[in-house]
Amino acid sequence: MQVLQVQLEIRPDPAEVGRARRWARSRLAVSGIEADEPLAETLILLVSELVTNAVVHTGRPAVLRLSLPGTEAAGEVTVRLEVSDRSDRAPVPRCVDGEATGGRGLALVDGLADRWGWSSEGAGKRIWCELDRCARTSGAAQACGGGTAAYGGLTYEAV
């Protein structure tokens, strides 16, 4: 199976989060993943969270990478998202109260991704997550497994 690997340089500017989402949407379309598929919607949320973390918590440039299935992919496929930055500080999930306006990013990643993790990379780190998609049935892509995650009184559907 052919895998499309693409990357985007991210400047340390909060406006880059929106640019990263638009870029990721266009790359998903090229790989045959429809914008209204649950997989696409979840991946865009994960892009938002990981790029926001890199921009806000490091104040340094980052690189967003996507590994996407080719358009001819059949059966279960995995989409991989990675964000590399130049900070050696480990990502730390935070416990926040219901009034906080931030601090839930890694909890969302943990609840929505099929797998995620991080590793040191030179003078920085790489945070990654993966989402699985099963074969198309009845013309629509279906999630493999699925489930829900609850955090801070809110429930998020994992697709």
C-alpha atoms as a PDB file:
ATOM      1  CA  MET A   1       0.000   0.000   0.000  1.00  0.00           C
ATOM      2  CA  GLN A   2       1.244   3.450  -0.893  1.00  0.00           C
ATOM      3  CA  VAL A   3       1.501   5.977   1.951  1.00  0.00           C
ATOM      4  CA  LEU A   4       1.548   9.732   1.375  1.00  0.00           C
ATOM      5  CA  GLN A   5       3.866  11.542   3.787  1.00  0.00           C
ATOM      6  CA  VAL A   6       3.615  15.327   3.940  1.00  0.00           C
ATOM      7  CA  GLN A   7       4.840  17.994   6.317  1.00  0.00           C
ATOM      8  CA  LEU A   8       4.246  21.646   7.157  1.00  0.00           C
ATOM      9  CA  GLU A   9       6.611  24.040   8.917  1.00  0.00           C
ATOM     10  CA  ILE A  10       4.853  25.830  11.789  1.00  0.00           C
ATOM     11  CA  ARG A  11       5.951  29.256  13.053  1.00  0.00           C
ATOM     12  CA  PRO A  12       5.658  30.008  16.793  1.00  0.00           C
ATOM     13  CA  ASP A  13       2.465  32.028  16.277  1.00  0.00           C
ATOM     14  CA  PRO A  14      -1.054  31.058  17.459  1.00  0.00           C
ATOM     15  CA  ALA A  15      -2.427  31.976  13.996  1.00  0.00           C
ATOM     16  CA  GLU A  16      -0.549  28.939  12.690  1.00  0.00           C
ATOM     17  CA  VAL A  17      -3.108  26.611  14.295  1.00  0.00           C
ATOM     18  CA  GLY A  18      -5.800  27.639  11.797  1.00  0.00           C
ATOM     19  CA  ARG A  19      -3.343  27.352   8.912  1.00  0.00           C
ATOM     20  CA  ALA A  20      -2.381  23.847  10.090  1.00  0.00           C
ATOM     21  CA  ARG A  21      -6.058  22.782  10.186  1.00  0.00           C
ATOM     22  CA  ARG A  22      -6.699  24.097   6.644  1.00  0.00           C
ATOM     23  CA  TRP A  23      -3.545  22.416   5.367  1.00  0.00           C
ATOM     24  CA  ALA A  24      -4.464  19.080   6.986  1.00  0.00           C
ATOM     25  CA  ARG A  25      -8.011  19.202   5.538  1.00  0.00           C
ATOM     26  CA  SER A  26      -6.626  19.693   2.036  1.00  0.00           C
ATOM     27  CA  ARG A  27      -4.193  16.781   2.464  1.00  0.00           C
ATOM     28  CA  LEU A  28      -6.974  14.497   3.717  1.00  0.00           C
ATOM     29  CA  ALA A  29      -9.035  15.301   0.609  1.00  0.00           C
ATOM     30  CA  VAL A  30      -6.110  14.361  -1.645  1.00  0.00           C
ATOM     31  CA  SER A  31      -5.826  10.987   0.111  1.00  0.00           C
ATOM     32  CA  GLY A  32      -9.524  10.224  -0.408  1.00  0.00           C
ATOM     33  CA  ILE A  33     -10.703  10.894   3.152  1.00  0.00           C
ATOM     34  CA  GLU A  34     -13.894  12.941   2.978  1.00  0.00           C
ATOM     35  CA  ALA A  35     -14.150  16.099   5.113  1.00  0.00           C
ATOM     36  CA  ASP A  36     -17.354  14.898   6.799  1.00  0.00           C
ATOM     37  CA  GLU A  37     -15.964  11.488   7.789  1.00  0.00           C
ATOM     38  CA  PRO A  38     -15.596  11.062  11.554  1.00  0.00           C
ATOM     39  CA  LEU A  39     -11.931  10.173  10.947  1.00  0.00           C
ATOM     40  CA  ALA A  40     -11.300  13.544   9.268  1.00  0.00           C
ATOM     41  CA  GLU A  41     -13.136  15.512  11.943  1.00  0.00           C
ATOM     42  CA  THR A  42     -11.214  13.753  14.714  1.00  0.00           C
ATOM     43  CA  LEU A  43      -7.877  14.177  12.956  1.00  0.00           C
ATOM     44  CA  ILE A  44      -8.457  17.919  12.509  1.00  0.00           C
ATOM     45  CA  LEU A  45      -9.238  18.244  16.232  1.00  0.00           C
ATOM     46  CA  LEU A  46      -6.018  16.375  17.041  1.00  0.00           C
ATOM     47  CA  VAL A  47      -4.026  18.627  14.671  1.00  0.00           C
ATOM     48  CA  SER A  48      -5.485  21.619  16.508  1.00  0.00           C
ATOM     49  CA  GLU A  49      -4.554  20.291  19.929  1.00  0.00           C
ATOM     50  CA  LEU A  50      -1.010  19.171  19.129  1.00  0.00           C
ATOM     51  CA  VAL A  51      -0.093  22.250  17.089  1.00  0.00           C
ATOM     52  CA  THR A  52      -1.570  24.519  19.782  1.00  0.00           C
ATOM     53  CA  ASN A  53       0.522  22.731  22.419  1.00  0.00           C
ATOM     54  CA  ALA A  54       3.683  23.157  20.350  1.00  0.00           C
ATOM     55  CA  VAL A  55       3.054  26.846  19.632  1.00  0.00           C
ATOM     56  CA  VAL A  56       1.811  27.880  23.086  1.00  0.00           C
ATOM     57  CA  HIS A  57       4.051  25.808  25.349  1.00  0.00           C
ATOM     58  CA  THR A  58       7.355  26.021  23.466  1.00  0.00           C
ATOM     59  CA  GLY A  59       7.297  29.377  21.675  1.00  0.00           C
ATOM     60  CA  ARG A  60       9.478  27.754  19.015  1.00  0.00           C
ATOM     61  CA  PRO A  61       8.969  26.570  15.436  1.00  0.00           C
ATOM     62  CA  ALA A  62       7.529  23.091  14.906  1.00  0.00           C
ATOM     63  CA  VAL A  63       6.880  20.638  12.090  1.00  0.00           C
ATOM     64  CA  LEU A  64       3.518  18.972  11.464  1.00  0.00           C
ATOM     65  CA  ARG A  65       3.693  15.643   9.600  1.00  0.00           C
ATOM     66  CA  LEU A  66       0.894  13.475   8.261  1.00  0.00           C
ATOM     67  CA  SER A  67       1.198   9.912   6.980  1.00  0.00           C
ATOM     68  CA  LEU A  68      -1.927   9.163   4.964  1.00  0.00           C
ATOM     69  CA  PRO A  69      -3.108   6.133   2.997  1.00  0.00           C
ATOM     70  CA  GLY A  70      -3.042   6.391  -0.784  1.00  0.00           C
ATOM     71  CA  THR A  71      -6.378   6.766  -2.557  1.00  0.00           C
ATOM     72  CA  GLU A  72      -6.327   3.094  -3.562  1.00  0.00           C
ATOM     73  CA  ALA A  73      -6.067   1.890   0.048  1.00  0.00           C
ATOM     74  CA  ALA A  74      -8.497  -0.877   0.940  1.00  0.00           C
ATOM     75  CA  GLY A  75      -9.280  -2.460   4.280  1.00  0.00           C
ATOM     76  CA  GLU A  76      -8.139  -1.000   7.571  1.00  0.00           C
ATOM     77  CA  VAL A  77      -5.760   1.934   7.223  1.00  0.00           C
ATOM     78  CA  THR A  78      -3.947   4.046   9.771  1.00  0.00           C
ATOM     79  CA  VAL A  79      -3.461   7.795   9.640  1.00  0.00           C
ATOM     80  CA  ARG A  80      -0.495   9.110  11.627  1.00  0.00           C
ATOM     81  CA  LEU A  81      -0.053  12.658  12.861  1.00  0.00           C
ATOM     82  CA  GLU A  82       3.222  13.930  14.316  1.00  0.00           C
ATOM     83  CA  VAL A  83       4.296  17.290  15.679  1.00  0.00           C
ATOM     84  CA  SER A  84       8.002  17.850  16.291  1.00  0.00           C
ATOM     85  CA  ASP A  85       9.276  20.868  18.173  1.00  0.00           C
ATOM     86  CA  ARG A  86      12.591  22.151  19.492  1.00  0.00           C
ATOM     87  CA  SER A  87      11.757  21.934  23.178  1.00  0.00           C
ATOM     88  CA  ASP A  88      13.071  19.052  25.249  1.00  0.00           C
ATOM     89  CA  ARG A  89      10.285  19.484  27.840  1.00  0.00           C
ATOM     90  CA  ALA A  90       8.129  16.371  28.053  1.00  0.00           C
ATOM     91  CA  PRO A  91       4.398  16.741  27.394  1.00  0.00           C
ATOM     92  CA  VAL A  92       2.572  16.670  30.727  1.00  0.00           C
ATOM     93  CA  PRO A  93      -1.161  15.977  30.952  1.00  0.00           C
ATOM     94  CA  ARG A  94      -2.747  18.417  33.379  1.00  0.00           C
ATOM     95  CA  CYS A  95      -5.698  18.081  35.715  1.00  0.00           C
ATOM     96  CA  VAL A  96      -7.877  21.150  35.390  1.00  0.00           C
ATOM     97  CA  ASP A  97     -11.202  22.130  36.897  1.00  0.00           C
ATOM     98  CA  GLY A  98     -14.374  22.744  34.918  1.00  0.00           C
ATOM     99  CA  GLU A  99     -13.785  26.526  34.865  1.00  0.00           C
ATOM    100  CA  ALA A 100     -10.404  26.336  33.106  1.00  0.00           C
ATOM    101  CA  THR A 101     -10.285  27.391  29.467  1.00  0.00           C
ATOM    102  CA  GLY A 102      -7.255  25.246  28.625  1.00  0.00           C
ATOM    103  CA  GLY A 103      -5.239  22.286  29.787  1.00  0.00           C
ATOM    104  CA  ARG A 104      -7.339  19.495  28.251  1.00  0.00           C
ATOM    105  CA  GLY A 105      -5.370  18.961  25.044  1.00  0.00           C
ATOM    106  CA  LEU A 106      -3.519  15.790  25.966  1.00  0.00           C
ATOM    107  CA  ALA A 107      -6.642  14.346  27.601  1.00  0.00           C
ATOM    108  CA  LEU A 108      -8.445  14.833  24.267  1.00  0.00           C
ATOM    109  CA  VAL A 109      -5.569  13.203  22.403  1.00  0.00           C
ATOM    110  CA  ASP A 110      -5.637  10.279  24.828  1.00  0.00           C
ATOM    111  CA  GLY A 111      -9.404   9.888  24.484  1.00  0.00           C
ATOM    112  CA  LEU A 112      -9.664  10.286  20.708  1.00  0.00           C
ATOM    113  CA  ALA A 113      -6.533   8.670  19.256  1.00  0.00           C
ATOM    114  CA  ASP A 114      -6.212   4.910  18.900  1.00  0.00           C
ATOM    115  CA  ARG A 115      -2.588   5.249  19.994  1.00  0.00           C
ATOM    116  CA  TRP A 116      -0.339   8.144  20.973  1.00  0.00           C
ATOM    117  CA  GLY A 117       3.018   8.803  22.517  1.00  0.00           C
ATOM    118  CA  TRP A 118       6.106  10.930  22.372  1.00  0.00           C
ATOM    119  CA  SER A 119       9.860  10.550  22.073  1.00  0.00           C
ATOM    120  CA  SER A 120      12.967  12.692  22.399  1.00  0.00           C
ATOM    121  CA  GLU A 121      14.329  13.816  19.071  1.00  0.00           C
ATOM    122  CA  GLY A 122      17.705  15.545  19.069  1.00  0.00           C
ATOM    123  CA  ALA A 123      17.296  18.818  20.957  1.00  0.00           C
ATOM    124  CA  GLY A 124      13.509  18.491  20.919  1.00  0.00           C
ATOM    125  CA  LYS A 125      10.687  15.969  20.889  1.00  0.00           C
ATOM    126  CA  ARG A 126       8.091  14.367  18.656  1.00  0.00           C
ATOM    127  CA  ILE A 127       4.498  13.820  19.773  1.00  0.00           C
ATOM    128  CA  TRP A 128       2.511  11.428  17.609  1.00  0.00           C
ATOM    129  CA  CYS A 129      -0.914   9.866  17.431  1.00  0.00           C
ATOM    130  CA  GLU A 130      -2.626   7.388  15.142  1.00  0.00           C
ATOM    131  CA  LEU A 131      -6.204   6.861  14.034  1.00  0.00           C
ATOM    132  CA  ASP A 132      -7.486   3.690  12.370  1.00  0.00           C
ATOM    133  CA  ARG A 133     -10.133   3.499   9.669  1.00  0.00           C
ATOM    134  CA  CYS A 134     -11.766   0.246   8.549  1.00  0.00           C
ATOM    135  CA  ALA A 135     -12.813  -0.659   5.036  1.00  0.00           C
ATOM    136  CA  ARG A 136     -15.581   1.366   3.434  1.00  0.00           C
ATOM    137  CA  THR A 137     -19.022  -0.113   3.891  1.00  0.00           C
ATOM    138  CA  SER A 138     -22.197   1.177   2.253  1.00  0.00           C
ATOM    139  CA  GLY A 139     -20.219   4.025   0.705  1.00  0.00           C
ATOM    140  CA  ALA A 140     -19.095   5.478   4.036  1.00  0.00           C
ATOM    141  CA  ALA A 141     -15.909   4.933   5.976  1.00  0.00           C
ATOM    142  CA  GLN A 142     -16.410   3.275   9.318  1.00  0.00           C
ATOM    143  CA  ALA A 143     -14.286   3.596  12.406  1.00  0.00           C
ATOM    144  CA  CYS A 144     -12.562   0.540  13.797  1.00  0.00           C
ATOM    145  CA  GLY A 145     -13.703  -0.067  17.319  1.00  0.00           C
ATOM    146  CA  GLY A 146     -14.656   3.430  18.428  1.00  0.00           C
ATOM    147  CA  GLY A 147     -15.790   4.251  21.916  1.00  0.00           C
ATOM    148  CA  THR A 148     -16.105   7.269  24.139  1.00  0.00           C
ATOM    149  CA  ALA A 149     -13.899   9.164  26.522  1.00  0.00           C
ATOM    150  CA  ALA A 150     -15.106  11.351  29.357  1.00  0.00           C
ATOM    151  CA  TYR A 151     -13.095  14.271  30.616  1.00  0.00           C
ATOM    152  CA  GLY A 152     -14.100  17.228  32.735  1.00  0.00           C
ATOM    153  CA  GLY A 153     -17.764  16.276  32.635  1.00  0.00           C
ATOM    154  CA  LEU A 154     -17.804  16.236  28.828  1.00  0.00           C
ATOM    155  CA  THR A 155     -18.004  13.114  26.683  1.00  0.00           C
ATOM    156  CA  TYR A 156     -16.031  12.835  23.467  1.00  0.00           C
ATOM    157  CA  GLU A 157     -16.747  10.143  20.921  1.00  0.00           C
ATOM    158  CA  ALA A 158     -13.635   8.300  19.838  1.00  0.00           C
ATOM    159  CA  VAL A 159     -13.832   7.326  16.206  1.00  0.00           C
END
